[in-house]
């Protein structure tokens, strides 16, 4: 059963990381990509939609990390699974959003 908890912690890290750009953009009052835009993930959604989507991701992350098993940062396997979820989603967001905002291409002299 422990491996299912580790999978849950991994995806908890994924959802909590995904909440950051949506919530920050929404709170700043700026549009940002979301699954609800046209085309999904590329078009812009309103700041309100992004706050709601960010909050939903926080709720899912909370459930997956805090309500499944007995998560503890002092347990290496728990922290590693959670951290790998954060890293995986962080790299994916950097690639996807960087492509749309010019942050994924090196400057050329």
PDB file of N, CA and C in Angstrom:
ATOM      1  N   UNK A   1       0.821  -1.198   0.000  1.00  0.00           N
ATOM      2  CA  UNK A   1       0.000   0.000   0.000  1.00  0.00           C
ATOM      3  C   UNK A   1       0.865   1.263   0.000  1.00  0.00           C
ATOM      4  N   UNK A   2       2.111   1.194   0.513  1.00  0.00           N
ATOM      5  CA  UNK A   2       2.951   2.384   0.595  1.00  0.00           C
ATOM      6  C   UNK A   2       3.218   2.991  -0.783  1.00  0.00           C
ATOM      7  N   UNK A   3       3.388   2.171  -1.817  1.00  0.00           N
ATOM      8  CA  UNK A   3       3.689   2.732  -3.133  1.00  0.00           C
ATOM      9  C   UNK A   3       2.529   3.567  -3.645  1.00  0.00           C
ATOM     10  N   UNK A   4       1.290   3.218  -3.297  1.00  0.00           N
ATOM     11  CA  UNK A   4       0.144   4.040  -3.695  1.00  0.00           C
ATOM     12  C   UNK A   4       0.184   5.403  -2.991  1.00  0.00           C
ATOM     13  N   UNK A   5       0.630   5.408  -1.756  1.00  0.00           N
ATOM     14  CA  UNK A   5       0.777   6.676  -1.033  1.00  0.00           C
ATOM     15  C   UNK A   5       1.851   7.533  -1.687  1.00  0.00           C
ATOM     16  N   UNK A   6       2.955   6.918  -2.108  1.00  0.00           N
ATOM     17  CA  UNK A   6       4.030   7.662  -2.759  1.00  0.00           C
ATOM     18  C   UNK A   6       3.557   8.245  -4.086  1.00  0.00           C
ATOM     19  N   UNK A   7       2.764   7.500  -4.826  1.00  0.00           N
ATOM     20  CA  UNK A   7       2.173   8.012  -6.074  1.00  0.00           C
ATOM     21  C   UNK A   7       1.267   9.202  -5.761  1.00  0.00           C
ATOM     22  N   UNK A   8       0.508   9.091  -4.689  1.00  0.00           N
ATOM     23  CA  UNK A   8      -0.364  10.181  -4.271  1.00  0.00           C
ATOM     24  C   UNK A   8       0.450  11.428  -3.915  1.00  0.00           C
ATOM     25  N   UNK A   9       1.558  11.265  -3.211  1.00  0.00           N
ATOM     26  CA  UNK A   9       2.403  12.400  -2.835  1.00  0.00           C
ATOM     27  C   UNK A   9       3.044  13.038  -4.070  1.00  0.00           C
ATOM     28  N   UNK A  10       3.445  12.189  -5.027  1.00  0.00           N
ATOM     29  CA  UNK A  10       4.001  12.694  -6.279  1.00  0.00           C
ATOM     30  C   UNK A  10       2.981  13.603  -6.978  1.00  0.00           C
ATOM     31  N   UNK A  11       1.758  13.115  -7.144  1.00  0.00           N
ATOM     32  CA  UNK A  11       0.739  13.917  -7.828  1.00  0.00           C
ATOM     33  C   UNK A  11       0.276  15.099  -6.983  1.00  0.00           C
ATOM     34  N   UNK A  12       0.390  14.982  -5.664  1.00  0.00           N
ATOM     35  CA  UNK A  12       0.130  16.136  -4.818  1.00  0.00           C
ATOM     36  C   UNK A  12       1.116  17.246  -5.115  1.00  0.00           C
ATOM     37  N   UNK A  13       2.389  16.892  -5.282  1.00  0.00           N
ATOM     38  CA  UNK A  13       3.411  17.863  -5.668  1.00  0.00           C
ATOM     39  C   UNK A  13       3.129  18.465  -7.033  1.00  0.00           C
ATOM     40  N   UNK A  14       2.647  17.633  -7.957  1.00  0.00           N
ATOM     41  CA  UNK A  14       2.298  18.106  -9.297  1.00  0.00           C
ATOM     42  C   UNK A  14       1.197  19.159  -9.217  1.00  0.00           C
ATOM     43  N   UNK A  15       0.111  18.841  -8.516  1.00  0.00           N
ATOM     44  CA  UNK A  15      -1.025  19.767  -8.453  1.00  0.00           C
ATOM     45  C   UNK A  15      -0.674  21.043  -7.682  1.00  0.00           C
ATOM     46  N   UNK A  16       0.090  20.922  -6.607  1.00  0.00           N
ATOM     47  CA  UNK A  16       0.465  22.121  -5.852  1.00  0.00           C
ATOM     48  C   UNK A  16       1.376  23.028  -6.685  1.00  0.00           C
ATOM     49  N   UNK A  17       2.261  22.444  -7.474  1.00  0.00           N
ATOM     50  CA  UNK A  17       3.120  23.241  -8.343  1.00  0.00           C
ATOM     51  C   UNK A  17       2.315  23.902  -9.449  1.00  0.00           C
ATOM     52  N   UNK A  18       1.361  23.179 -10.007  1.00  0.00           N
ATOM     53  CA  UNK A  18       0.521  23.742 -11.067  1.00  0.00           C
ATOM     54  C   UNK A  18      -0.335  24.896 -10.552  1.00  0.00           C
ATOM     55  N   UNK A  19      -0.637  24.899  -9.277  1.00  0.00           N
ATOM     56  CA  UNK A  19      -1.453  25.975  -8.715  1.00  0.00           C
ATOM     57  C   UNK A  19      -0.727  27.319  -8.757  1.00  0.00           C
ATOM     58  N   UNK A  20       0.590  27.286  -8.643  1.00  0.00           N
ATOM     59  CA  UNK A  20       1.363  28.528  -8.487  1.00  0.00           C
ATOM     60  C   UNK A  20       1.182  29.509  -9.651  1.00  0.00           C
ATOM     61  N   UNK A  21       1.466  29.126 -10.913  1.00  0.00           N
ATOM     62  CA  UNK A  21       1.365  30.130 -11.976  1.00  0.00           C
ATOM     63  C   UNK A  21      -0.070  30.624 -12.182  1.00  0.00           C
ATOM     64  N   UNK A  22      -1.035  29.734 -11.997  1.00  0.00           N
ATOM     65  CA  UNK A  22      -2.426  30.131 -12.199  1.00  0.00           C
ATOM     66  C   UNK A  22      -2.888  31.087 -11.104  1.00  0.00           C
ATOM     67  N   UNK A  23      -2.583  30.752  -9.878  1.00  0.00           N
ATOM     68  CA  UNK A  23      -3.002  31.597  -8.761  1.00  0.00           C
ATOM     69  C   UNK A  23      -2.282  32.950  -8.792  1.00  0.00           C
ATOM     70  N   UNK A  24      -0.998  32.933  -9.049  1.00  0.00           N
ATOM     71  CA  UNK A  24      -0.240  34.191  -9.093  1.00  0.00           C
ATOM     72  C   UNK A  24      -0.747  35.091 -10.219  1.00  0.00           C
ATOM     73  N   UNK A  25      -0.921  34.536 -11.410  1.00  0.00           N
ATOM     74  CA  UNK A  25      -1.433  35.338 -12.527  1.00  0.00           C
ATOM     75  C   UNK A  25      -2.815  35.881 -12.218  1.00  0.00           C
ATOM     76  N   UNK A  26      -3.666  35.039 -11.664  1.00  0.00           N
ATOM     77  CA  UNK A  26      -5.017  35.473 -11.342  1.00  0.00           C
ATOM     78  C   UNK A  26      -5.038  36.572 -10.297  1.00  0.00           C
ATOM     79  N   UNK A  27      -4.246  36.419  -9.244  1.00  0.00           N
ATOM     80  CA  UNK A  27      -4.207  37.427  -8.186  1.00  0.00           C
ATOM     81  C   UNK A  27      -3.645  38.743  -8.724  1.00  0.00           C
ATOM     82  N   UNK A  28      -2.716  38.676  -9.676  1.00  0.00           N
ATOM     83  CA  UNK A  28      -2.162  39.882 -10.285  1.00  0.00           C
ATOM     84  C   UNK A  28      -3.136  40.515 -11.283  1.00  0.00           C
ATOM     85  N   UNK A  29      -4.247  39.820 -11.558  1.00  0.00           N
ATOM     86  CA  UNK A  29      -5.230  40.341 -12.490  1.00  0.00           C
ATOM     87  C   UNK A  29      -4.847  40.151 -13.944  1.00  0.00           C
ATOM     88  N   UNK A  30      -3.963  39.209 -14.207  1.00  0.00           N
ATOM     89  CA  UNK A  30      -3.486  38.965 -15.564  1.00  0.00           C
ATOM     90  C   UNK A  30      -4.086  37.689 -16.134  1.00  0.00           C
ATOM     91  N   UNK A  31      -4.402  37.688 -17.430  1.00  0.00           N
ATOM     92  CA  UNK A  31      -4.858  36.444 -18.059  1.00  0.00           C
ATOM     93  C   UNK A  31      -3.689  35.469 -18.171  1.00  0.00           C
ATOM     94  N   UNK A  32      -4.006  34.194 -18.237  1.00  0.00           N
ATOM     95  CA  UNK A  32      -2.969  33.164 -18.333  1.00  0.00           C
ATOM     96  C   UNK A  32      -3.589  31.920 -18.965  1.00  0.00           C
ATOM     97  N   UNK A  33      -2.738  31.056 -19.511  1.00  0.00           N
ATOM     98  CA  UNK A  33      -3.214  29.830 -20.123  1.00  0.00           C
ATOM     99  C   UNK A  33      -3.885  28.935 -19.086  1.00  0.00           C
ATOM    100  N   UNK A  34      -4.919  28.235 -19.520  1.00  0.00           N
ATOM    101  CA  UNK A  34      -5.554  27.235 -18.660  1.00  0.00           C
ATOM    102  C   UNK A  34      -6.201  26.191 -19.549  1.00  0.00           C
ATOM    103  N   UNK A  35      -6.620  25.083 -18.963  1.00  0.00           N
ATOM    104  CA  UNK A  35      -7.293  24.058 -19.755  1.00  0.00           C
ATOM    105  C   UNK A  35      -8.644  24.521 -20.305  1.00  0.00           C
ATOM    106  N   UNK A  36      -9.144  25.647 -19.825  1.00  0.00           N
ATOM    107  CA  UNK A  36     -10.469  26.115 -20.230  1.00  0.00           C
ATOM    108  C   UNK A  36     -10.416  27.122 -21.365  1.00  0.00           C
ATOM    109  N   UNK A  37      -9.212  27.519 -21.782  1.00  0.00           N
ATOM    110  CA  UNK A  37      -9.041  28.490 -22.861  1.00  0.00           C
ATOM    111  C   UNK A  37      -9.215  27.790 -24.208  1.00  0.00           C
ATOM    112  N   UNK A  38      -9.309  28.597 -25.244  1.00  0.00           N
ATOM    113  CA  UNK A  38      -9.373  28.057 -26.598  1.00  0.00           C
ATOM    114  C   UNK A  38      -8.184  28.577 -27.365  1.00  0.00           C
ATOM    115  N   UNK A  39      -7.300  27.723 -27.868  1.00  0.00           N
ATOM    116  CA  UNK A  39      -7.223  26.283 -27.631  1.00  0.00           C
ATOM    117  C   UNK A  39      -6.748  25.981 -26.206  1.00  0.00           C
ATOM    118  N   UNK A  40      -7.179  24.838 -25.657  1.00  0.00           N
ATOM    119  CA  UNK A  40      -6.836  24.497 -24.272  1.00  0.00           C
ATOM    120  C   UNK A  40      -5.319  24.505 -24.035  1.00  0.00           C
ATOM    121  N   UNK A  41      -4.922  25.179 -22.970  1.00  0.00           N
ATOM    122  CA  UNK A  41      -3.515  25.220 -22.593  1.00  0.00           C
ATOM    123  C   UNK A  41      -2.687  26.228 -23.366  1.00  0.00           C
ATOM    124  N   UNK A  42      -3.257  26.845 -24.396  1.00  0.00           N
ATOM    125  CA  UNK A  42      -2.508  27.825 -25.186  1.00  0.00           C
ATOM    126  C   UNK A  42      -3.180  29.186 -25.177  1.00  0.00           C
ATOM    127  N   UNK A  43      -4.504  29.208 -25.291  1.00  0.00           N
ATOM    128  CA  UNK A  43      -5.221  30.472 -25.229  1.00  0.00           C
ATOM    129  C   UNK A  43      -5.230  31.002 -23.805  1.00  0.00           C
ATOM    130  N   UNK A  44      -5.649  32.243 -23.658  1.00  0.00           N
ATOM    131  CA  UNK A  44      -5.654  32.875 -22.344  1.00  0.00           C
ATOM    132  C   UNK A  44      -7.023  32.778 -21.680  1.00  0.00           C
ATOM    133  N   UNK A  45      -7.011  32.525 -20.386  1.00  0.00           N
ATOM    134  CA  UNK A  45      -8.228  32.551 -19.571  1.00  0.00           C
ATOM    135  C   UNK A  45      -8.170  33.775 -18.676  1.00  0.00           C
ATOM    136  N   UNK A  46      -9.325  34.211 -18.221  1.00  0.00           N
ATOM    137  CA  UNK A  46      -9.401  35.395 -17.368  1.00  0.00           C
ATOM    138  C   UNK A  46      -8.690  35.154 -16.037  1.00  0.00           C
ATOM    139  N   UNK A  47      -8.406  36.242 -15.358  1.00  0.00           N
ATOM    140  CA  UNK A  47      -7.762  36.142 -14.046  1.00  0.00           C
ATOM    141  C   UNK A  47      -8.657  35.395 -13.058  1.00  0.00           C
ATOM    142  N   UNK A  48      -9.963  35.589 -13.161  1.00  0.00           N
ATOM    143  CA  UNK A  48     -10.903  34.894 -12.262  1.00  0.00           C
ATOM    144  C   UNK A  48     -10.851  33.388 -12.479  1.00  0.00           C
ATOM    145  N   UNK A  49     -10.854  32.960 -13.732  1.00  0.00           N
ATOM    146  CA  UNK A  49     -10.756  31.527 -14.042  1.00  0.00           C
ATOM    147  C   UNK A  49      -9.456  30.966 -13.491  1.00  0.00           C
ATOM    148  N   UNK A  50      -8.372  31.718 -13.609  1.00  0.00           N
ATOM    149  CA  UNK A  50      -7.088  31.234 -13.121  1.00  0.00           C
ATOM    150  C   UNK A  50      -7.029  31.150 -11.602  1.00  0.00           C
ATOM    151  N   UNK A  51      -7.656  32.076 -10.898  1.00  0.00           N
ATOM    152  CA  UNK A  51      -7.716  31.966  -9.432  1.00  0.00           C
ATOM    153  C   UNK A  51      -8.497  30.713  -9.053  1.00  0.00           C
ATOM    154  N   UNK A  52      -9.620  30.478  -9.710  1.00  0.00           N
ATOM    155  CA  UNK A  52     -10.431  29.287  -9.414  1.00  0.00           C
ATOM    156  C   UNK A  52      -9.668  28.009  -9.740  1.00  0.00           C
ATOM    157  N   UNK A  53      -8.988  27.971 -10.886  1.00  0.00           N
ATOM    158  CA  UNK A  53      -8.224  26.798 -11.280  1.00  0.00           C
ATOM    159  C   UNK A  53      -7.050  26.568 -10.327  1.00  0.00           C
ATOM    160  N   UNK A  54      -6.378  27.638  -9.933  1.00  0.00           N
ATOM    161  CA  UNK A  54      -5.277  27.528  -8.977  1.00  0.00           C
ATOM    162  C   UNK A  54      -5.763  27.001  -7.632  1.00  0.00           C
ATOM    163  N   UNK A  55      -6.891  27.526  -7.168  1.00  0.00           N
ATOM    164  CA  UNK A  55      -7.445  27.073  -5.896  1.00  0.00           C
ATOM    165  C   UNK A  55      -7.846  25.599  -5.965  1.00  0.00           C
ATOM    166  N   UNK A  56      -8.443  25.193  -7.074  1.00  0.00           N
ATOM    167  CA  UNK A  56      -8.816  23.794  -7.261  1.00  0.00           C
ATOM    168  C   UNK A  56      -7.577  22.889  -7.199  1.00  0.00           C
ATOM    169  N   UNK A  57      -6.483  23.333  -7.812  1.00  0.00           N
ATOM    170  CA  UNK A  57      -5.234  22.568  -7.757  1.00  0.00           C
ATOM    171  C   UNK A  57      -4.704  22.471  -6.338  1.00  0.00           C
ATOM    172  N   UNK A  58      -4.832  23.539  -5.552  1.00  0.00           N
ATOM    173  CA  UNK A  58      -4.406  23.507  -4.148  1.00  0.00           C
ATOM    174  C   UNK A  58      -5.231  22.491  -3.366  1.00  0.00           C
ATOM    175  N   UNK A  59      -6.539  22.481  -3.590  1.00  0.00           N
ATOM    176  CA  UNK A  59      -7.410  21.524  -2.894  1.00  0.00           C
ATOM    177  C   UNK A  59      -7.011  20.093  -3.250  1.00  0.00           C
ATOM    178  N   UNK A  60      -6.797  19.814  -4.548  1.00  0.00           N
ATOM    179  CA  UNK A  60      -6.386  18.463  -4.949  1.00  0.00           C
ATOM    180  C   UNK A  60      -5.034  18.097  -4.337  1.00  0.00           C
ATOM    181  N   UNK A  61      -4.085  19.033  -4.372  1.00  0.00           N
ATOM    182  CA  UNK A  61      -2.773  18.777  -3.781  1.00  0.00           C
ATOM    183  C   UNK A  61      -2.875  18.486  -2.297  1.00  0.00           C
ATOM    184  N   UNK A  62      -3.701  19.266  -1.600  1.00  0.00           N
ATOM    185  CA  UNK A  62      -3.910  19.050  -0.163  1.00  0.00           C
ATOM    186  C   UNK A  62      -4.468  17.655   0.103  1.00  0.00           C
ATOM    187  N   UNK A  63      -5.481  17.286  -0.651  1.00  0.00           N
ATOM    188  CA  UNK A  63      -6.096  15.966  -0.447  1.00  0.00           C
ATOM    189  C   UNK A  63      -5.073  14.861  -0.692  1.00  0.00           C
ATOM    190  N   UNK A  64      -4.311  14.973  -1.782  1.00  0.00           N
ATOM    191  CA  UNK A  64      -3.356  13.920  -2.131  1.00  0.00           C
ATOM    192  C   UNK A  64      -2.184  13.821  -1.163  1.00  0.00           C
ATOM    193  N   UNK A  65      -1.780  14.944  -0.569  1.00  0.00           N
ATOM    194  CA  UNK A  65      -0.624  14.920   0.340  1.00  0.00           C
ATOM    195  C   UNK A  65      -1.048  14.750   1.797  1.00  0.00           C
ATOM    196  N   UNK A  66      -2.062  15.462   2.210  1.00  0.00           N
ATOM    197  CA  UNK A  66      -2.399  15.510   3.639  1.00  0.00           C
ATOM    198  C   UNK A  66      -3.481  14.526   4.072  1.00  0.00           C
ATOM    199  N   UNK A  67      -4.265  14.030   3.139  1.00  0.00           N
ATOM    200  CA  UNK A  67      -5.372  13.160   3.519  1.00  0.00           C
ATOM    201  C   UNK A  67      -5.166  11.705   3.110  1.00  0.00           C
ATOM    202  N   UNK A  68      -4.083  11.432   2.384  1.00  0.00           N
ATOM    203  CA  UNK A  68      -3.763  10.053   1.986  1.00  0.00           C
ATOM    204  C   UNK A  68      -2.555   9.615   2.795  1.00  0.00           C
ATOM    205  N   UNK A  69      -2.671   8.502   3.464  1.00  0.00           N
ATOM    206  CA  UNK A  69      -1.547   8.007   4.249  1.00  0.00           C
ATOM    207  C   UNK A  69      -1.203   8.942   5.397  1.00  0.00           C
ATOM    208  N   UNK A  70       0.075   8.922   5.753  1.00  0.00           N
ATOM    209  CA  UNK A  70       0.562   9.720   6.877  1.00  0.00           C
ATOM    210  C   UNK A  70       1.828  10.450   6.428  1.00  0.00           C
ATOM    211  N   UNK A  71       1.680  11.419   5.524  1.00  0.00           N
ATOM    212  CA  UNK A  71       2.813  12.130   4.933  1.00  0.00           C
ATOM    213  C   UNK A  71       3.658  12.808   6.004  1.00  0.00           C
ATOM    214  N   UNK A  72       4.987  12.658   5.858  1.00  0.00           N
ATOM    215  CA  UNK A  72       5.922  13.332   6.759  1.00  0.00           C
ATOM    216  C   UNK A  72       7.166  13.716   5.967  1.00  0.00           C
ATOM    217  N   UNK A  73       7.541  14.974   6.040  1.00  0.00           N
ATOM    218  CA  UNK A  73       8.740  15.434   5.341  1.00  0.00           C
ATOM    219  C   UNK A  73      10.007  14.765   5.864  1.00  0.00           C
ATOM    220  N   UNK A  74       9.976  14.271   7.091  1.00  0.00           N
ATOM    221  CA  UNK A  74      11.147  13.605   7.653  1.00  0.00           C
ATOM    222  C   UNK A  74      11.338  12.196   7.110  1.00  0.00           C
ATOM    223  N   UNK A  75      10.327  11.666   6.434  1.00  0.00           N
ATOM    224  CA  UNK A  75      10.445  10.343   5.810  1.00  0.00           C
ATOM    225  C   UNK A  75      10.943  10.561   4.389  1.00  0.00           C
ATOM    226  N   UNK A  76      12.142  10.076   4.108  1.00  0.00           N
ATOM    227  CA  UNK A  76      12.811  10.347   2.840  1.00  0.00           C
ATOM    228  C   UNK A  76      11.960   9.963   1.639  1.00  0.00           C
ATOM    229  N   UNK A  77      11.332   8.801   1.668  1.00  0.00           N
ATOM    230  CA  UNK A  77      10.541   8.374   0.513  1.00  0.00           C
ATOM    231  C   UNK A  77       9.349   9.304   0.266  1.00  0.00           C
ATOM    232  N   UNK A  78       8.719   9.787   1.338  1.00  0.00           N
ATOM    233  CA  UNK A  78       7.602  10.734   1.189  1.00  0.00           C
ATOM    234  C   UNK A  78       8.091  12.042   0.575  1.00  0.00           C
ATOM    235  N   UNK A  79       9.171  12.586   1.130  1.00  0.00           N
ATOM    236  CA  UNK A  79       9.708  13.857   0.641  1.00  0.00           C
ATOM    237  C   UNK A  79      10.219  13.729  -0.793  1.00  0.00           C
ATOM    238  N   UNK A  80      10.831  12.592  -1.112  1.00  0.00           N
ATOM    239  CA  UNK A  80      11.347  12.372  -2.459  1.00  0.00           C
ATOM    240  C   UNK A  80      10.216  12.300  -3.481  1.00  0.00           C
ATOM    241  N   UNK A  81       9.165  11.551  -3.173  1.00  0.00           N
ATOM    242  CA  UNK A  81       8.023  11.453  -4.094  1.00  0.00           C
ATOM    243  C   UNK A  81       7.390  12.825  -4.307  1.00  0.00           C
ATOM    244  N   UNK A  82       7.181  13.560  -3.235  1.00  0.00           N
ATOM    245  CA  UNK A  82       6.598  14.900  -3.303  1.00  0.00           C
ATOM    246  C   UNK A  82       7.508  15.834  -4.106  1.00  0.00           C
ATOM    247  N   UNK A  83       8.788  15.806  -3.806  1.00  0.00           N
ATOM    248  CA  UNK A  83       9.752  16.660  -4.497  1.00  0.00           C
ATOM    249  C   UNK A  83       9.870  16.338  -5.977  1.00  0.00           C
ATOM    250  N   UNK A  84       9.819  15.059  -6.321  1.00  0.00           N
ATOM    251  CA  UNK A  84       9.881  14.679  -7.738  1.00  0.00           C
ATOM    252  C   UNK A  84       8.642  15.154  -8.491  1.00  0.00           C
ATOM    253  N   UNK A  85       7.489  15.152  -7.822  1.00  0.00           N
ATOM    254  CA  UNK A  85       6.281  15.700  -8.433  1.00  0.00           C
ATOM    255  C   UNK A  85       6.421  17.190  -8.703  1.00  0.00           C
ATOM    256  N   UNK A  86       7.004  17.906  -7.736  1.00  0.00           N
ATOM    257  CA  UNK A  86       7.247  19.346  -7.905  1.00  0.00           C
ATOM    258  C   UNK A  86       8.212  19.577  -9.066  1.00  0.00           C
ATOM    259  N   UNK A  87       9.302  18.824  -9.098  1.00  0.00           N
ATOM    260  CA  UNK A  87      10.298  18.973 -10.156  1.00  0.00           C
ATOM    261  C   UNK A  87       9.706  18.654 -11.524  1.00  0.00           C
ATOM    262  N   UNK A  88       8.982  17.544 -11.623  1.00  0.00           N
ATOM    263  CA  UNK A  88       8.402  17.138 -12.906  1.00  0.00           C
ATOM    264  C   UNK A  88       7.446  18.201 -13.440  1.00  0.00           C
ATOM    265  N   UNK A  89       6.554  18.685 -12.591  1.00  0.00           N
ATOM    266  CA  UNK A  89       5.596  19.685 -13.053  1.00  0.00           C
ATOM    267  C   UNK A  89       6.285  21.020 -13.307  1.00  0.00           C
ATOM    268  N   UNK A  90       7.270  21.356 -12.506  1.00  0.00           N
ATOM    269  CA  UNK A  90       8.015  22.592 -12.722  1.00  0.00           C
ATOM    270  C   UNK A  90       8.706  22.595 -14.082  1.00  0.00           C
ATOM    271  N   UNK A  91       9.351  21.485 -14.433  1.00  0.00           N
ATOM    272  CA  UNK A  91      10.008  21.395 -15.731  1.00  0.00           C
ATOM    273  C   UNK A  91       9.000  21.411 -16.875  1.00  0.00           C
ATOM    274  N   UNK A  92       7.883  20.717 -16.699  1.00  0.00           N
ATOM    275  CA  UNK A  92       6.843  20.709 -17.730  1.00  0.00           C
ATOM    276  C   UNK A  92       6.281  22.116 -17.929  1.00  0.00           C
ATOM    277  N   UNK A  93       5.991  22.819 -16.839  1.00  0.00           N
ATOM    278  CA  UNK A  93       5.476  24.193 -16.936  1.00  0.00           C
ATOM    279  C   UNK A  93       6.499  25.105 -17.596  1.00  0.00           C
ATOM    280  N   UNK A  94       7.770  24.944 -17.243  1.00  0.00           N
ATOM    281  CA  UNK A  94       8.816  25.774 -17.846  1.00  0.00           C
ATOM    282  C   UNK A  94       8.846  25.576 -19.360  1.00  0.00           C
ATOM    283  N   UNK A  95       8.707  24.343 -19.804  1.00  0.00           N
ATOM    284  CA  UNK A  95       8.718  24.059 -21.247  1.00  0.00           C
ATOM    285  C   UNK A  95       7.455  24.577 -21.929  1.00  0.00           C
ATOM    286  N   UNK A  96       6.310  24.271 -21.353  1.00  0.00           N
ATOM    287  CA  UNK A  96       5.046  24.657 -21.995  1.00  0.00           C
ATOM    288  C   UNK A  96       4.835  26.167 -21.976  1.00  0.00           C
ATOM    289  N   UNK A  97       4.950  26.771 -20.807  1.00  0.00           N
ATOM    290  CA  UNK A  97       4.707  28.205 -20.698  1.00  0.00           C
ATOM    291  C   UNK A  97       5.866  29.001 -21.283  1.00  0.00           C
ATOM    292  N   UNK A  98       7.081  28.486 -21.188  1.00  0.00           N
ATOM    293  CA  UNK A  98       8.235  29.156 -21.768  1.00  0.00           C
ATOM    294  C   UNK A  98       8.112  29.270 -23.275  1.00  0.00           C
ATOM    295  N   UNK A  99       7.564  28.241 -23.900  1.00  0.00           N
ATOM    296  CA  UNK A  99       7.354  28.263 -25.351  1.00  0.00           C
ATOM    297  C   UNK A  99       6.380  29.377 -25.731  1.00  0.00           C
ATOM    298  N   UNK A 100       5.389  29.615 -24.886  1.00  0.00           N
ATOM    299  CA  UNK A 100       4.369  30.619 -25.178  1.00  0.00           C
ATOM    300  C   UNK A 100       4.790  32.033 -24.775  1.00  0.00           C
ATOM    301  N   UNK A 101       5.722  32.147 -23.826  1.00  0.00           N
ATOM    302  CA  UNK A 101       6.112  33.458 -23.310  1.00  0.00           C
ATOM    303  C   UNK A 101       7.564  33.818 -23.614  1.00  0.00           C
ATOM    304  N   UNK A 102       8.229  33.010 -24.426  1.00  0.00           N
ATOM    305  CA  UNK A 102       9.598  33.313 -24.825  1.00  0.00           C
ATOM    306  C   UNK A 102      10.649  32.971 -23.796  1.00  0.00           C
ATOM    307  N   UNK A 103      10.291  32.233 -22.756  1.00  0.00           N
ATOM    308  CA  UNK A 103      11.246  31.918 -21.708  1.00  0.00           C
ATOM    309  C   UNK A 103      11.966  30.606 -21.889  1.00  0.00           C
ATOM    310  N   UNK A 104      11.667  29.886 -22.973  1.00  0.00           N
ATOM    311  CA  UNK A 104      12.288  28.578 -23.167  1.00  0.00           C
ATOM    312  C   UNK A 104      13.293  28.577 -24.322  1.00  0.00           C
ATOM    313  N   UNK A 105      13.625  29.750 -24.814  1.00  0.00           N
ATOM    314  CA  UNK A 105      14.621  29.797 -25.877  1.00  0.00           C
ATOM    315  C   UNK A 105      15.791  30.675 -25.429  1.00  0.00           C
ATOM    316  N   UNK A 106      16.998  30.197 -25.632  1.00  0.00           N
ATOM    317  CA  UNK A 106      18.166  30.999 -25.206  1.00  0.00           C
ATOM    318  C   UNK A 106      18.286  32.246 -26.068  1.00  0.00           C
ATOM    319  N   UNK A 107      18.794  33.296 -25.449  1.00  0.00           N
ATOM    320  CA  UNK A 107      19.016  34.545 -26.187  1.00  0.00           C
ATOM    321  C   UNK A 107      20.140  34.328 -27.180  1.00  0.00           C
ATOM    322  N   UNK A 108      19.953  34.909 -28.339  1.00  0.00           N
ATOM    323  CA  UNK A 108      20.990  34.805 -29.367  1.00  0.00           C
ATOM    324  C   UNK A 108      21.615  36.168 -29.566  1.00  0.00           C
ATOM    325  N   UNK A 109      22.932  36.198 -29.635  1.00  0.00           N
ATOM    326  CA  UNK A 109      23.630  37.477 -29.814  1.00  0.00           C
ATOM    327  C   UNK A 109      23.746  37.818 -31.269  1.00  0.00           C
TER     328      UNK A 109
END
